[in-house]
PDB file of N, CA and C in Angstrom:
ATOM      1  N   MET A   1       0.823  -1.140  -0.051  1.00  0.00           N
ATOM      2  CA  MET A   1       0.042   0.046  -0.221  1.00  0.00           C
ATOM      3  C   MET A   1       0.982   1.158   0.328  1.00  0.00           C
ATOM      4  N   THR A   2       0.438   2.144  -1.097  1.00  0.00           N
ATOM      5  CA  THR A   2       1.346   3.569  -0.905  1.00  0.00           C
ATOM      6  C   THR A   2       0.534   4.736  -0.388  1.00  0.00           C
ATOM      7  N   GLN A   3       1.348   5.205   0.599  1.00  0.00           N
ATOM      8  CA  GLN A   3       0.777   6.430   1.160  1.00  0.00           C
ATOM      9  C   GLN A   3       1.543   7.682   0.740  1.00  0.00           C
ATOM     10  N   ARG A   4       0.651   8.852   0.968  1.00  0.00           N
ATOM     11  CA  ARG A   4       1.373  10.256   0.647  1.00  0.00           C
ATOM     12  C   ARG A   4       0.974  11.199   1.564  1.00  0.00           C
ATOM     13  N   THR A   5       1.678  12.334   1.781  1.00  0.00           N
ATOM     14  CA  THR A   5       1.157  13.288   3.044  1.00  0.00           C
ATOM     15  C   THR A   5       1.192  14.452   2.057  1.00  0.00           C
ATOM     16  N   VAL A   6      -0.005  15.064   1.940  1.00  0.00           N
ATOM     17  CA  VAL A   6      -0.391  16.354   1.361  1.00  0.00           C
ATOM     18  C   VAL A   6      -0.163  17.510   2.311  1.00  0.00           C
ATOM     19  N   HIS A   7       0.712  18.762   1.748  1.00  0.00           N
ATOM     20  CA  HIS A   7       0.484  19.855   2.723  1.00  0.00           C
ATOM     21  C   HIS A   7      -0.154  20.846   2.343  1.00  0.00           C
ATOM     22  N   SER A   8      -0.473  21.563   3.312  1.00  0.00           N
ATOM     23  CA  SER A   8      -1.598  22.942   2.631  1.00  0.00           C
ATOM     24  C   SER A   8      -1.715  23.716   3.724  1.00  0.00           C
ATOM     25  N   THR A   9      -2.291  24.766   3.557  1.00  0.00           N
ATOM     26  CA  THR A   9      -2.532  25.895   4.668  1.00  0.00           C
ATOM     27  C   THR A   9      -3.742  26.506   4.427  1.00  0.00           C
ATOM     28  N   ILE A  10      -4.354  26.999   5.408  1.00  0.00           N
ATOM     29  CA  ILE A  10      -5.739  27.397   5.309  1.00  0.00           C
ATOM     30  C   ILE A  10      -5.889  28.501   6.339  1.00  0.00           C
ATOM     31  N   THR A  11      -6.446  29.773   5.717  1.00  0.00           N
ATOM     32  CA  THR A  11      -6.112  30.929   6.731  1.00  0.00           C
ATOM     33  C   THR A  11      -7.790  31.616   6.939  1.00  0.00           C
ATOM     34  N   PHE A  12      -7.637  31.840   8.235  1.00  0.00           N
ATOM     35  CA  PHE A  12      -9.009  32.421   8.851  1.00  0.00           C
ATOM     36  C   PHE A  12      -8.825  33.795   9.145  1.00  0.00           C
ATOM     37  N   SER A  13      -9.871  34.587   8.743  1.00  0.00           N
ATOM     38  CA  SER A  13      -9.640  36.344   9.422  1.00  0.00           C
ATOM     39  C   SER A  13     -10.585  36.315  10.512  1.00  0.00           C
ATOM     40  N   ARG A  14     -11.210  35.455  11.116  1.00  0.00           N
ATOM     41  CA  ARG A  14     -11.871  35.492  12.489  1.00  0.00           C
ATOM     42  C   ARG A  14     -11.679  34.250  13.025  1.00  0.00           C
ATOM     43  N   GLN A  15     -11.956  34.368  14.437  1.00  0.00           N
ATOM     44  CA  GLN A  15     -11.853  33.272  15.095  1.00  0.00           C
ATOM     45  C   GLN A  15     -12.791  32.096  14.396  1.00  0.00           C
ATOM     46  N   PHE A  16     -12.634  30.647  14.803  1.00  0.00           N
ATOM     47  CA  PHE A  16     -13.825  29.715  14.287  1.00  0.00           C
ATOM     48  C   PHE A  16     -13.693  28.741  15.267  1.00  0.00           C
ATOM     49  N   LEU A  17     -14.984  28.002  15.247  1.00  0.00           N
ATOM     50  CA  LEU A  17     -15.093  26.631  16.156  1.00  0.00           C
ATOM     51  C   LEU A  17     -15.121  25.301  15.263  1.00  0.00           C
ATOM     52  N   LEU A  18     -14.390  24.341  15.854  1.00  0.00           N
ATOM     53  CA  LEU A  18     -14.271  22.928  15.305  1.00  0.00           C
ATOM     54  C   LEU A  18     -14.406  22.017  16.498  1.00  0.00           C
ATOM     55  N   SER A  19     -15.559  20.698  16.266  1.00  0.00           N
ATOM     56  CA  SER A  19     -15.461  19.900  17.422  1.00  0.00           C
ATOM     57  C   SER A  19     -14.328  19.515  17.802  1.00  0.00           C
ATOM     58  N   GLY A  20     -14.626  19.311  19.197  1.00  0.00           N
ATOM     59  CA  GLY A  20     -13.386  18.471  20.241  1.00  0.00           C
ATOM     60  C   GLY A  20     -12.299  19.860  20.907  1.00  0.00           C
ATOM     61  N   PHE A  21     -13.112  20.941  20.668  1.00  0.00           N
ATOM     62  CA  PHE A  21     -12.310  22.308  20.956  1.00  0.00           C
ATOM     63  C   PHE A  21     -13.233  23.060  22.163  1.00  0.00           C
ATOM     64  N   GLU A  22     -13.020  23.191  23.184  1.00  0.00           N
ATOM     65  CA  GLU A  22     -13.866  24.117  23.852  1.00  0.00           C
ATOM     66  C   GLU A  22     -13.828  25.128  23.797  1.00  0.00           C
ATOM     67  N   GLU A  23     -12.847  25.876  23.545  1.00  0.00           N
ATOM     68  CA  GLU A  23     -12.908  27.222  22.771  1.00  0.00           C
ATOM     69  C   GLU A  23     -12.577  27.512  21.499  1.00  0.00           C
ATOM     70  N   PRO A  24     -12.893  28.489  20.746  1.00  0.00           N
ATOM     71  CA  PRO A  24     -13.110  28.893  19.568  1.00  0.00           C
ATOM     72  C   PRO A  24     -11.513  28.797  19.358  1.00  0.00           C
ATOM     73  N   LEU A  25     -10.954  28.899  17.967  1.00  0.00           N
ATOM     74  CA  LEU A  25      -9.549  28.828  17.699  1.00  0.00           C
ATOM     75  C   LEU A  25      -9.168  30.076  17.213  1.00  0.00           C
ATOM     76  N   GLN A  26      -8.356  30.734  17.229  1.00  0.00           N
ATOM     77  CA  GLN A  26      -7.820  31.863  16.866  1.00  0.00           C
ATOM     78  C   GLN A  26      -7.827  32.336  15.387  1.00  0.00           C
ATOM     79  N   ALA A  27      -7.883  33.513  14.602  1.00  0.00           N
ATOM     80  CA  ALA A  27      -7.599  33.740  13.591  1.00  0.00           C
ATOM     81  C   ALA A  27      -6.210  33.879  13.191  1.00  0.00           C
ATOM     82  N   GLY A  28      -6.242  33.166  11.738  1.00  0.00           N
ATOM     83  CA  GLY A  28      -4.471  33.202  11.224  1.00  0.00           C
ATOM     84  C   GLY A  28      -4.596  32.109  10.261  1.00  0.00           C
ATOM     85  N   THR A  29      -3.351  31.759   9.931  1.00  0.00           N
ATOM     86  CA  THR A  29      -2.880  30.741   8.911  1.00  0.00           C
ATOM     87  C   THR A  29      -2.277  29.405   9.744  1.00  0.00           C
ATOM     88  N   TYR A  30      -3.359  28.523   9.400  1.00  0.00           N
ATOM     89  CA  TYR A  30      -2.948  27.137   9.855  1.00  0.00           C
ATOM     90  C   TYR A  30      -2.177  26.114   8.984  1.00  0.00           C
ATOM     91  N   LYS A  31      -1.331  25.384   9.264  1.00  0.00           N
ATOM     92  CA  LYS A  31      -0.738  24.311   8.495  1.00  0.00           C
ATOM     93  C   LYS A  31      -1.697  23.267   8.629  1.00  0.00           C
ATOM     94  N   ILE A  32      -2.112  22.551   7.318  1.00  0.00           N
ATOM     95  CA  ILE A  32      -2.611  21.374   7.334  1.00  0.00           C
ATOM     96  C   ILE A  32      -2.196  19.866   6.676  1.00  0.00           C
ATOM     97  N   GLU A  33      -1.734  19.018   7.275  1.00  0.00           N
ATOM     98  CA  GLU A  33      -1.323  17.606   6.508  1.00  0.00           C
ATOM     99  C   GLU A  33      -2.259  16.800   6.475  1.00  0.00           C
ATOM    100  N   THR A  34      -2.613  16.315   5.174  1.00  0.00           N
ATOM    101  CA  THR A  34      -3.694  14.944   4.998  1.00  0.00           C
ATOM    102  C   THR A  34      -2.835  13.910   4.717  1.00  0.00           C
ATOM    103  N   LEU A  35      -2.962  12.768   5.069  1.00  0.00           N
ATOM    104  CA  LEU A  35      -2.328  11.386   5.037  1.00  0.00           C
ATOM    105  C   LEU A  35      -3.198  10.959   3.975  1.00  0.00           C
ATOM    106  N   GLU A  36      -2.794  10.412   2.556  1.00  0.00           N
ATOM    107  CA  GLU A  36      -3.810   9.435   1.858  1.00  0.00           C
ATOM    108  C   GLU A  36      -3.118   8.301   1.611  1.00  0.00           C
ATOM    109  N   GLU A  37      -4.070   7.180   0.972  1.00  0.00           N
ATOM    110  CA  GLU A  37      -3.275   6.018   0.447  1.00  0.00           C
ATOM    111  C   GLU A  37      -3.760   5.961  -0.898  1.00  0.00           C
ATOM    112  N   LEU A  38      -3.098   5.328  -1.780  1.00  0.00           N
ATOM    113  CA  LEU A  38      -3.446   4.908  -2.923  1.00  0.00           C
ATOM    114  C   LEU A  38      -4.149   4.011  -2.917  1.00  0.00           C
ATOM    115  N   ILE A  39      -5.460   3.882  -3.482  1.00  0.00           N
ATOM    116  CA  ILE A  39      -6.666   2.882  -3.960  1.00  0.00           C
ATOM    117  C   ILE A  39      -6.057   1.751  -5.018  1.00  0.00           C
ATOM    118  N   GLU A  40      -5.813   0.640  -4.566  1.00  0.00           N
ATOM    119  CA  GLU A  40      -5.178  -0.286  -5.499  1.00  0.00           C
ATOM    120  C   GLU A  40      -6.280  -0.963  -6.564  1.00  0.00           C
ATOM    121  N   GLY A  41      -5.709  -1.307  -7.554  1.00  0.00           N
ATOM    122  CA  GLY A  41      -6.860  -2.032  -8.671  1.00  0.00           C
ATOM    123  C   GLY A  41      -7.433  -1.114  -9.582  1.00  0.00           C
ATOM    124  N   LEU A  42      -7.239   0.017  -9.263  1.00  0.00           N
ATOM    125  CA  LEU A  42      -7.905   0.922 -10.368  1.00  0.00           C
ATOM    126  C   LEU A  42      -6.880   1.063 -11.404  1.00  0.00           C
ATOM    127  N   SER A  43      -7.573   1.514 -12.772  1.00  0.00           N
ATOM    128  CA  SER A  43      -6.830   1.719 -14.129  1.00  0.00           C
ATOM    129  C   SER A  43      -6.233   2.826 -13.996  1.00  0.00           C
ATOM    130  N   PHE A  44      -6.509   4.086 -12.902  1.00  0.00           N
ATOM    131  CA  PHE A  44      -5.836   5.227 -12.679  1.00  0.00           C
ATOM    132  C   PHE A  44      -5.746   5.683 -11.426  1.00  0.00           C
ATOM    133  N   PRO A  45      -4.739   6.328 -10.902  1.00  0.00           N
ATOM    134  CA  PRO A  45      -4.662   6.650  -9.752  1.00  0.00           C
ATOM    135  C   PRO A  45      -5.491   7.423  -8.873  1.00  0.00           C
ATOM    136  N   ALA A  46      -5.915   6.949  -7.826  1.00  0.00           N
ATOM    137  CA  ALA A  46      -6.698   7.535  -6.875  1.00  0.00           C
ATOM    138  C   ALA A  46      -6.343   7.563  -5.349  1.00  0.00           C
ATOM    139  N   TRP A  47      -6.707   8.543  -4.819  1.00  0.00           N
ATOM    140  CA  TRP A  47      -6.267   8.201  -3.215  1.00  0.00           C
ATOM    141  C   TRP A  47      -7.483   8.500  -2.415  1.00  0.00           C
ATOM    142  N   ARG A  48      -7.136   7.650  -1.223  1.00  0.00           N
ATOM    143  CA  ARG A  48      -8.239   7.963  -0.325  1.00  0.00           C
ATOM    144  C   ARG A  48      -7.607   8.814   0.962  1.00  0.00           C
ATOM    145  N   ARG A  49      -8.446   9.940   1.700  1.00  0.00           N
ATOM    146  CA  ARG A  49      -8.003  10.089   2.890  1.00  0.00           C
ATOM    147  C   ARG A  49      -8.155   9.402   4.094  1.00  0.00           C
ATOM    148  N   ILE A  50      -6.618   9.325   4.571  1.00  0.00           N
ATOM    149  CA  ILE A  50      -6.799   8.458   5.910  1.00  0.00           C
ATOM    150  C   ILE A  50      -7.070   9.510   7.190  1.00  0.00           C
ATOM    151  N   GLU A  51      -6.311  10.410   6.744  1.00  0.00           N
ATOM    152  CA  GLU A  51      -6.300  11.464   8.559  1.00  0.00           C
ATOM    153  C   GLU A  51      -6.036  12.875   7.913  1.00  0.00           C
ATOM    154  N   THR A  52      -6.642  14.076   8.633  1.00  0.00           N
ATOM    155  CA  THR A  52      -6.107  15.075   8.568  1.00  0.00           C
ATOM    156  C   THR A  52      -5.591  15.582   9.819  1.00  0.00           C
ATOM    157  N   LEU A  53      -4.826  16.639   9.887  1.00  0.00           N
ATOM    158  CA  LEU A  53      -3.995  17.072  11.122  1.00  0.00           C
ATOM    159  C   LEU A  53      -4.034  18.539  10.803  1.00  0.00           C
ATOM    160  N   LEU A  54      -4.514  19.263  11.951  1.00  0.00           N
ATOM    161  CA  LEU A  54      -4.323  20.660  12.124  1.00  0.00           C
ATOM    162  C   LEU A  54      -3.145  21.137  13.167  1.00  0.00           C
ATOM    163  N   PHE A  55      -2.466  22.020  12.425  1.00  0.00           N
ATOM    164  CA  PHE A  55      -1.138  22.224  13.471  1.00  0.00           C
ATOM    165  C   PHE A  55      -1.595  23.792  13.940  1.00  0.00           C
ATOM    166  N   LEU A  56      -1.740  23.619  15.340  1.00  0.00           N
ATOM    167  CA  LEU A  56      -2.537  24.759  16.182  1.00  0.00           C
ATOM    168  C   LEU A  56      -1.602  26.033  16.482  1.00  0.00           C
ATOM    169  N   ILE A  57      -2.139  27.148  16.286  1.00  0.00           N
ATOM    170  CA  ILE A  57      -1.227  28.490  16.516  1.00  0.00           C
ATOM    171  C   ILE A  57      -1.287  28.439  18.046  1.00  0.00           C
ATOM    172  N   GLN A  58      -0.101  28.846  18.614  1.00  0.00           N
ATOM    173  CA  GLN A  58       0.353  29.118  19.780  1.00  0.00           C
ATOM    174  C   GLN A  58      -0.303  30.508  20.217  1.00  0.00           C
ATOM    175  N   PRO A  59      -0.830  30.757  21.255  1.00  0.00           N
ATOM    176  CA  PRO A  59      -0.939  32.219  21.866  1.00  0.00           C
ATOM    177  C   PRO A  59       0.522  32.595  22.028  1.00  0.00           C
ATOM    178  N   PRO A  60       0.045  34.162  21.787  1.00  0.00           N
ATOM    179  CA  PRO A  60       1.790  34.681  21.918  1.00  0.00           C
ATOM    180  C   PRO A  60       1.682  34.371  23.832  1.00  0.00           C
ATOM    181  N   GLY A  61       3.331  34.582  23.881  1.00  0.00           N
ATOM    182  CA  GLY A  61       3.680  34.100  25.547  1.00  0.00           C
ATOM    183  C   GLY A  61       3.873  32.788  25.488  1.00  0.00           C
ATOM    184  N   GLN A  62       3.232  31.892  24.851  1.00  0.00           N
ATOM    185  CA  GLN A  62       3.155  30.437  25.225  1.00  0.00           C
ATOM    186  C   GLN A  62       4.547  29.653  24.810  1.00  0.00           C
ATOM    187  N   SER A  63       4.870  28.326  25.062  1.00  0.00           N
ATOM    188  CA  SER A  63       6.000  27.987  24.628  1.00  0.00           C
ATOM    189  C   SER A  63       5.504  27.235  23.197  1.00  0.00           C
ATOM    190  N   LYS A  64       6.808  27.241  22.529  1.00  0.00           N
ATOM    191  CA  LYS A  64       6.621  27.142  21.189  1.00  0.00           C
ATOM    192  C   LYS A  64       6.475  25.621  20.594  1.00  0.00           C
ATOM    193  N   LEU A  65       5.956  25.040  21.846  1.00  0.00           N
ATOM    194  CA  LEU A  65       5.801  23.376  21.716  1.00  0.00           C
ATOM    195  C   LEU A  65       4.310  23.238  20.627  1.00  0.00           C
ATOM    196  N   THR A  66       4.871  22.812  19.578  1.00  0.00           N
ATOM    197  CA  THR A  66       3.556  22.357  18.550  1.00  0.00           C
ATOM    198  C   THR A  66       2.721  21.198  18.809  1.00  0.00           C
ATOM    199  N   GLN A  67       1.545  21.761  18.841  1.00  0.00           N
ATOM    200  CA  GLN A  67      -0.154  20.914  19.403  1.00  0.00           C
ATOM    201  C   GLN A  67      -0.381  20.974  17.792  1.00  0.00           C
ATOM    202  N   VAL A  68      -0.677  19.510  17.768  1.00  0.00           N
ATOM    203  CA  VAL A  68      -1.576  18.676  16.213  1.00  0.00           C
ATOM    204  C   VAL A  68      -2.662  18.071  16.853  1.00  0.00           C
ATOM    205  N   ALA A  69      -3.701  18.776  16.099  1.00  0.00           N
ATOM    206  CA  ALA A  69      -5.334  17.889  16.247  1.00  0.00           C
ATOM    207  C   ALA A  69      -5.430  17.019  15.211  1.00  0.00           C
ATOM    208  N   VAL A  70      -6.026  16.011  15.429  1.00  0.00           N
ATOM    209  CA  VAL A  70      -6.767  15.283  14.329  1.00  0.00           C
ATOM    210  C   VAL A  70      -8.121  16.091  13.996  1.00  0.00           C
ATOM    211  N   ILE A  71      -8.431  16.118  12.643  1.00  0.00           N
ATOM    212  CA  ILE A  71      -9.845  17.031  12.358  1.00  0.00           C
ATOM    213  C   ILE A  71     -10.657  16.446  11.324  1.00  0.00           C
ATOM    214  N   ASP A  72     -11.890  16.562  11.491  1.00  0.00           N
ATOM    215  CA  ASP A  72     -12.590  16.327  10.480  1.00  0.00           C
ATOM    216  C   ASP A  72     -12.491  17.456   9.205  1.00  0.00           C
ATOM    217  N   PRO A  73     -12.110  16.843   7.903  1.00  0.00           N
ATOM    218  CA  PRO A  73     -11.711  17.964   7.046  1.00  0.00           C
ATOM    219  C   PRO A  73     -13.025  18.497   6.410  1.00  0.00           C
ATOM    220  N   VAL A  74     -13.934  17.860   6.279  1.00  0.00           N
ATOM    221  CA  VAL A  74     -15.578  18.512   5.861  1.00  0.00           C
ATOM    222  C   VAL A  74     -15.909  19.527   6.873  1.00  0.00           C
ATOM    223  N   GLU A  75     -15.635  19.445   8.467  1.00  0.00           N
ATOM    224  CA  GLU A  75     -16.083  20.361   9.466  1.00  0.00           C
ATOM    225  C   GLU A  75     -15.032  21.657   9.096  1.00  0.00           C
ATOM    226  N   LEU A  76     -13.640  21.249   8.613  1.00  0.00           N
ATOM    227  CA  LEU A  76     -12.822  22.387   8.656  1.00  0.00           C
ATOM    228  C   LEU A  76     -13.436  23.211   7.278  1.00  0.00           C
ATOM    229  N   GLU A  77     -13.690  22.920   6.298  1.00  0.00           N
ATOM    230  CA  GLU A  77     -14.307  23.809   5.189  1.00  0.00           C
ATOM    231  C   GLU A  77     -15.390  24.321   5.236  1.00  0.00           C
ATOM    232  N   GLU A  78     -16.423  23.780   6.046  1.00  0.00           N
ATOM    233  CA  GLU A  78     -17.357  24.165   6.567  1.00  0.00           C
ATOM    234  C   GLU A  78     -16.949  25.699   7.313  1.00  0.00           C
ATOM    235  N   ALA A  79     -16.147  25.895   8.170  1.00  0.00           N
ATOM    236  CA  ALA A  79     -15.801  26.708   8.934  1.00  0.00           C
ATOM    237  C   ALA A  79     -15.089  27.688   8.141  1.00  0.00           C
ATOM    238  N   ARG A  80     -14.318  27.290   7.143  1.00  0.00           N
ATOM    239  CA  ARG A  80     -13.669  28.326   6.157  1.00  0.00           C
ATOM    240  C   ARG A  80     -15.185  28.957   5.250  1.00  0.00           C
ATOM    241  N   ASN A  81     -15.961  28.266   5.111  1.00  0.00           N
ATOM    242  CA  ASN A  81     -16.976  28.841   4.357  1.00  0.00           C
ATOM    243  C   ASN A  81     -17.695  30.010   5.089  1.00  0.00           C
ATOM    244  N   ARG A  82     -17.847  29.791   6.260  1.00  0.00           N
ATOM    245  CA  ARG A  82     -18.556  30.626   7.120  1.00  0.00           C
ATOM    246  C   ARG A  82     -17.648  31.747   7.355  1.00  0.00           C
ATOM    247  N   ASP A  83     -16.147  31.628   7.736  1.00  0.00           N
ATOM    248  CA  ASP A  83     -15.150  32.703   7.806  1.00  0.00           C
ATOM    249  C   ASP A  83     -15.413  33.511   6.592  1.00  0.00           C
ATOM    250  N   GLU A  84     -15.052  32.896   5.209  1.00  0.00           N
ATOM    251  CA  GLU A  84     -15.403  33.703   4.275  1.00  0.00           C
ATOM    252  C   GLU A  84     -16.801  34.492   3.764  1.00  0.00           C
ATOM    253  N   ALA A  85     -17.809  33.785   4.200  1.00  0.00           N
ATOM    254  CA  ALA A  85     -18.906  34.573   4.379  1.00  0.00           C
ATOM    255  C   ALA A  85     -19.197  35.504   5.375  1.00  0.00           C
ATOM    256  N   GLY A  86     -18.377  35.679   6.476  1.00  0.00           N
ATOM    257  CA  GLY A  86     -18.593  36.545   7.411  1.00  0.00           C
ATOM    258  C   GLY A  86     -19.461  36.245   8.607  1.00  0.00           C
ATOM    259  N   ARG A  87     -19.666  34.648   8.417  1.00  0.00           N
ATOM    260  CA  ARG A  87     -20.631  34.593   9.586  1.00  0.00           C
ATOM    261  C   ARG A  87     -20.388  34.325  11.123  1.00  0.00           C
ATOM    262  N   ASP A  88     -20.832  34.239  11.799  1.00  0.00           N
ATOM    263  CA  ASP A  88     -20.329  34.059  13.110  1.00  0.00           C
ATOM    264  C   ASP A  88     -19.961  32.635  13.388  1.00  0.00           C
ATOM    265  N   PRO A  89     -18.834  32.463  14.050  1.00  0.00           N
ATOM    266  CA  PRO A  89     -18.310  31.042  14.154  1.00  0.00           C
ATOM    267  C   PRO A  89     -19.035  30.080  14.915  1.00  0.00           C
ATOM    268  N   HIS A  90     -19.961  30.618  15.842  1.00  0.00           N
ATOM    269  CA  HIS A  90     -20.964  29.788  16.349  1.00  0.00           C
ATOM    270  C   HIS A  90     -22.136  29.328  15.959  1.00  0.00           C
ATOM    271  N   ALA A  91     -22.081  29.937  14.665  1.00  0.00           N
ATOM    272  CA  ALA A  91     -23.601  29.212  13.790  1.00  0.00           C
ATOM    273  C   ALA A  91     -23.394  27.636  13.609  1.00  0.00           C
TER     274      ALA A  91
END
């Protein structure tokens, strides 16, 4: 089985909510890593998402320890759409 990691970023102009977090996440640019595996047996290359990781932004004054959360990519996209539309992150 072949796997790959896709690196990307996502930027929020205002704070946003994701399930599993008690408080809204701050606005800013977040690093995303998506682990995918090759779907075998097809006549063309196709990849299946296994896991999506969000690298959290540390508040000013906190240690530079990197925190990573496993997230639902669909929920992240919905939060991005709300952010671009200027809607309340609690919606």
